[in-house]
Protein backbone atom coordinates (compact mmCIF):
# COMPACT_ATOMS: atom_id res chain seq x y z
CA MET A 1 98.85 -8.26 167.77
CA ARG A 2 101.24 -10.04 165.49
CA LEU A 3 104.80 -8.88 165.80
CA ALA A 4 105.00 -7.90 162.12
CA LYS A 5 101.99 -5.60 162.52
CA ARG A 6 103.47 -4.01 165.63
CA ILE A 7 106.67 -3.19 163.77
CA ALA A 8 104.81 -1.88 160.72
CA HIS A 9 102.88 0.49 163.02
CA LEU A 10 106.22 1.96 164.10
CA GLY A 11 106.80 3.09 160.51
CA TYR A 12 109.50 0.59 159.54
CA GLY A 13 107.62 -0.30 156.38
CA SER A 14 104.41 -1.82 155.06
CA ARG A 15 103.37 -5.24 156.36
CA ARG A 16 104.94 -6.78 153.24
CA GLN A 17 108.20 -4.85 153.76
CA VAL A 18 108.37 -5.81 157.43
CA LEU A 19 107.80 -9.48 156.56
CA ALA A 20 110.79 -9.18 154.22
CA LEU A 21 112.88 -7.96 157.18
CA PHE A 22 111.91 -11.12 159.06
CA GLU A 23 112.72 -13.32 156.07
CA ALA A 24 116.17 -11.70 155.86
CA GLY A 25 116.80 -12.42 159.55
CA ARG A 26 117.14 -8.75 160.38
CA ILE A 27 114.54 -8.78 163.19
CA THR A 28 116.10 -10.42 166.24
CA ASP A 29 116.02 -10.42 170.02
CA GLU A 30 118.80 -8.92 172.13
CA SER A 31 120.88 -12.09 171.80
CA GLY A 32 120.77 -11.99 168.00
CA ARG A 33 118.25 -14.83 167.59
CA ALA A 34 116.14 -14.31 164.48
CA LEU A 35 112.45 -13.91 165.26
CA ALA A 36 109.29 -15.09 163.52
CA PRO A 37 106.61 -12.58 162.39
CA ASP A 38 104.04 -13.91 164.89
CA GLU A 39 106.35 -14.33 167.87
CA GLU A 40 105.40 -12.92 171.28
CA ILE A 41 108.22 -10.85 172.77
CA ALA A 42 108.57 -7.76 174.93
CA HIS A 43 109.20 -4.60 172.92
CA GLU A 44 112.41 -3.70 174.72
CA ARG A 45 113.98 -6.99 173.58
CA LEU A 46 113.40 -6.31 169.86
CA ARG A 47 116.29 -5.41 167.55
CA LEU A 48 116.52 -4.42 163.89
CA ASP A 49 120.03 -4.96 162.54
CA GLY A 50 121.16 -5.14 166.15
CA GLU A 51 119.65 -1.78 167.14
CA PRO A 52 116.67 -1.27 169.52
CA LEU A 53 113.40 -0.29 167.89
CA ASP A 54 111.70 3.07 168.41
CA PRO A 55 109.36 3.31 171.41
CA PRO A 56 105.81 2.06 170.83
CA ALA A 57 102.74 4.23 171.26
CA PRO A 58 102.13 6.30 173.27
CA PHE A 59 105.24 8.17 172.12
CA THR A 60 106.02 11.84 172.75
CA LEU A 61 109.09 13.83 171.75
CA MET A 62 110.31 17.39 171.85
CA LEU A 63 111.97 19.04 168.89
CA HIS A 64 114.06 22.21 168.76
CA LYS A 65 112.35 23.69 165.73
CA PRO A 66 114.53 26.04 163.67
CA VAL A 67 113.19 29.03 161.76
CA GLY A 68 112.07 28.10 158.24
CA TYR A 69 110.19 24.88 159.04
CA THR A 70 106.41 24.48 158.96
CA CYS A 71 104.30 22.43 161.40
CA SER A 72 102.46 20.49 158.71
CA THR A 73 102.46 17.19 156.86
CA ARG A 74 101.41 18.67 153.51
CA ASP A 75 102.57 22.29 153.06
CA ALA A 76 105.20 23.16 150.48
CA GLY A 77 108.75 23.78 151.65
CA ARG A 78 110.57 22.42 154.67
CA LEU A 79 108.46 20.60 157.27
CA VAL A 80 109.23 19.71 160.88
CA TYR A 81 108.87 16.05 159.88
CA ASP A 82 111.97 16.48 157.68
CA LEU A 83 113.99 16.84 160.90
CA LEU A 84 112.90 13.41 162.17
CA PRO A 85 113.67 9.88 160.96
CA PRO A 86 111.47 9.30 157.86
CA ARG A 87 109.73 6.33 159.51
CA PHE A 88 108.27 8.65 162.19
CA ARG A 89 105.97 10.14 159.58
CA ALA A 90 104.57 6.66 158.83
CA ARG A 91 103.78 5.68 162.42
CA THR A 92 100.28 4.50 163.37
CA PRO A 93 98.80 6.34 165.17
CA LEU A 94 100.05 9.55 163.57
CA LEU A 95 102.74 11.56 165.32
CA SER A 96 101.19 15.04 165.47
CA THR A 97 102.44 18.44 166.56
CA VAL A 98 100.99 19.73 169.83
CA GLY A 99 99.80 23.09 168.61
CA ARG A 100 101.95 24.94 166.09
CA LEU A 101 104.93 27.24 165.86
CA ASP A 102 104.76 29.37 162.72
CA ARG A 103 107.43 29.15 160.06
CA ASP A 104 109.34 32.14 161.43
CA THR A 105 109.28 31.02 165.08
CA SER A 106 111.91 28.74 166.59
CA GLY A 107 112.00 26.75 169.80
CA LEU A 108 110.42 23.95 171.75
CA LEU A 109 107.81 21.96 169.82
CA LEU A 110 106.07 18.90 171.27
CA MET A 111 104.95 16.01 169.06
CA THR A 112 102.91 13.00 170.18
CA ASP A 113 100.75 10.10 169.01
CA ASP A 114 98.80 10.22 172.30
CA GLY A 115 95.54 11.99 171.47
CA ALA A 116 94.44 12.30 175.08
CA LEU A 117 97.74 13.93 176.05
CA LEU A 118 97.61 16.30 173.08
CA HIS A 119 94.13 17.49 174.01
CA ARG A 120 95.08 17.85 177.66
CA ILE A 121 98.04 20.09 176.80
CA VAL A 122 96.15 22.36 174.40
CA SER A 123 92.95 22.53 176.48
CA PRO A 124 92.32 26.02 177.92
CA LYS A 125 91.39 24.30 181.20
CA SER A 126 94.97 23.08 181.61
CA ALA A 127 96.38 26.62 181.26
CA VAL A 128 99.80 25.21 180.32
CA ALA A 129 102.32 28.07 180.35
CA LYS A 130 104.39 28.80 177.24
CA VAL A 131 107.47 31.00 177.53
CA TYR A 132 108.65 33.07 174.55
CA GLU A 133 111.76 35.16 173.99
CA VAL A 134 110.94 38.17 171.80
CA ARG A 135 113.11 40.55 169.78
CA LEU A 136 111.33 43.76 168.75
CA ALA A 137 111.77 46.26 165.95
CA ARG A 138 111.29 49.25 168.27
CA ASP A 139 111.93 50.03 171.92
CA LEU A 140 109.25 49.02 174.38
CA ARG A 141 107.14 52.00 175.34
CA GLY A 142 106.87 51.03 179.02
CA ASP A 143 103.25 50.05 179.63
CA GLU A 144 103.22 46.70 177.79
CA GLY A 145 103.52 44.63 180.97
CA GLU A 146 100.54 46.34 182.54
CA VAL A 147 98.43 45.95 179.39
CA PHE A 148 99.35 42.27 178.94
CA ALA A 149 98.59 41.48 182.60
CA SER A 150 95.23 43.29 182.57
CA GLY A 151 93.22 40.59 180.83
CA THR A 152 91.57 43.29 178.72
CA LEU A 153 93.75 43.36 175.59
CA MET A 154 91.69 42.71 172.45
CA LEU A 155 93.30 41.47 169.26
CA ARG A 156 92.08 42.48 165.85
CA SER A 157 89.20 40.30 164.58
CA GLU A 158 88.77 38.71 168.06
CA THR A 159 85.63 38.94 170.18
CA GLU A 160 87.13 37.92 173.53
CA PRO A 161 89.97 39.66 175.38
CA LEU A 162 93.19 37.79 176.02
CA ALA A 163 93.84 36.02 179.30
CA PRO A 164 96.41 37.79 181.51
CA ALA A 165 99.99 37.31 180.34
CA ARG A 166 103.29 38.21 181.96
CA LEU A 167 105.99 40.38 180.37
CA GLU A 168 109.56 40.56 181.59
CA VAL A 169 111.68 43.30 180.04
CA LEU A 170 115.24 42.10 179.35
CA ASP A 171 116.38 45.22 177.47
CA PRO A 172 114.55 47.93 175.49
CA ARG A 173 113.96 45.63 172.50
CA HIS A 174 114.13 42.21 174.14
CA ALA A 175 111.38 40.73 176.32
CA ARG A 176 110.16 37.44 177.73
CA VAL A 177 106.43 36.70 177.53
CA VAL A 178 104.56 33.96 179.42
CA LEU A 179 101.16 32.90 178.04
CA THR A 180 98.61 30.36 179.20
CA GLU A 181 96.61 30.27 175.95
CA GLY A 182 97.56 29.80 172.33
CA ARG A 183 95.70 31.92 169.84
CA TYR A 184 96.83 32.28 166.23
CA HIS A 185 100.13 34.23 166.03
CA GLN A 186 99.30 35.50 169.51
CA VAL A 187 102.62 37.02 170.61
CA ARG A 188 103.13 38.80 167.31
CA ARG A 189 99.59 40.16 167.36
CA MET A 190 99.90 41.31 171.00
CA PHE A 191 102.86 43.51 170.21
CA ALA A 192 101.28 44.67 166.93
CA ALA A 193 98.24 45.82 168.92
CA LEU A 194 100.58 48.11 170.86
CA GLY A 195 102.33 49.48 167.79
CA ASN A 196 105.44 47.28 167.72
CA HIS A 197 106.72 44.52 165.44
CA VAL A 198 108.24 41.18 166.45
CA GLU A 199 111.45 40.57 164.53
CA ALA A 200 112.38 37.24 166.16
CA LEU A 201 110.38 34.84 168.30
CA HIS A 202 111.61 31.77 170.18
CA ARG A 203 109.69 29.43 172.52
CA SER A 204 112.03 28.41 175.33
CA ARG A 205 109.68 26.46 177.62
CA VAL A 206 106.38 24.64 177.78
CA GLY A 207 105.40 24.47 181.42
CA ALA A 208 108.60 23.67 183.29
CA LEU A 209 109.99 21.68 180.35
CA ALA A 210 112.94 23.46 178.69
CA LEU A 211 115.18 22.73 175.72
CA ASP A 212 118.17 22.28 178.08
CA GLY A 213 120.85 22.56 175.41
CA LEU A 214 119.03 20.62 172.69
CA ALA A 215 120.54 21.90 169.44
CA PRO A 216 118.39 23.47 166.68
CA GLY A 217 116.95 20.69 164.52
CA ALA A 218 117.57 18.02 167.19
CA TRP A 219 114.94 16.02 169.05
CA ARG A 220 114.64 13.62 171.97
CA ALA A 221 112.01 11.24 173.26
CA LEU A 222 110.26 12.29 176.47
CA ALA A 223 109.96 10.11 179.55
CA ALA A 224 107.02 10.28 181.95
CA GLU A 225 108.86 12.73 184.19
CA ASP A 226 109.45 15.06 181.22
CA ILE A 227 105.75 15.03 180.35
CA ALA A 228 104.89 15.79 183.99
CA ARG A 229 107.03 18.95 183.72
CA VAL A 230 104.79 20.21 180.92
CA PHE A 231 102.02 20.61 183.47
CA ALA A 232 104.24 21.98 186.26
CA PRO A 233 104.21 25.70 187.12
CA VAL A 234 106.82 27.86 185.45
CA GLY A 235 108.36 30.88 187.13
CA GLY A 236 106.70 34.02 185.89
CA ALA A 237 103.50 32.27 184.75
CA PRO A 238 100.43 34.50 185.15
CA ALA A 239 98.02 33.52 187.90
């Protein structure tokens, strides 16, 4: 693949715009030598205005999604893509969210251009655990943990019961829930089925991968060892 095309696929501009970067001498190697558009060079040696380029595909990141942002490329209002460098939205292949967090849910969101990885994470066969911190409008009644763990809870408009989930009570209106599936608005609907209302919802982990101090609105690229943690057991995950 020509170097110009490789750089265009990273979202740095159209082919024509990237060629203009070459003509201006802005694409160099690590020593500052200007490169030609068809030059063969290892990705890690590439520089734009002296700075390393973004990682090539496959590329996966985690984002600390704040409340108020939507996991979409087209919806009105603030989108999770607004929290990333604008060029990320123009990458080829597309950088997609791995599942969704609704507008009113904060926490750990994965994004990737690796289709096989995305499907592996969301596949029910993988049973990747997701950990949520929940604030409730009313005190827990006491039997929620037993009901969630039973594997018999039915949600409204569903035809199959939920897989067993784990509930840890932190105080009367604060709980931690561990799921291994991802139905639409699942945590909110689980508590609604038992007569309660979720006032705040935050995803703190996916598998054994945690935010680890990543600030709201911030993101970081994931290395292979980070991705492996997505599939690692998490304490409290249902069997």
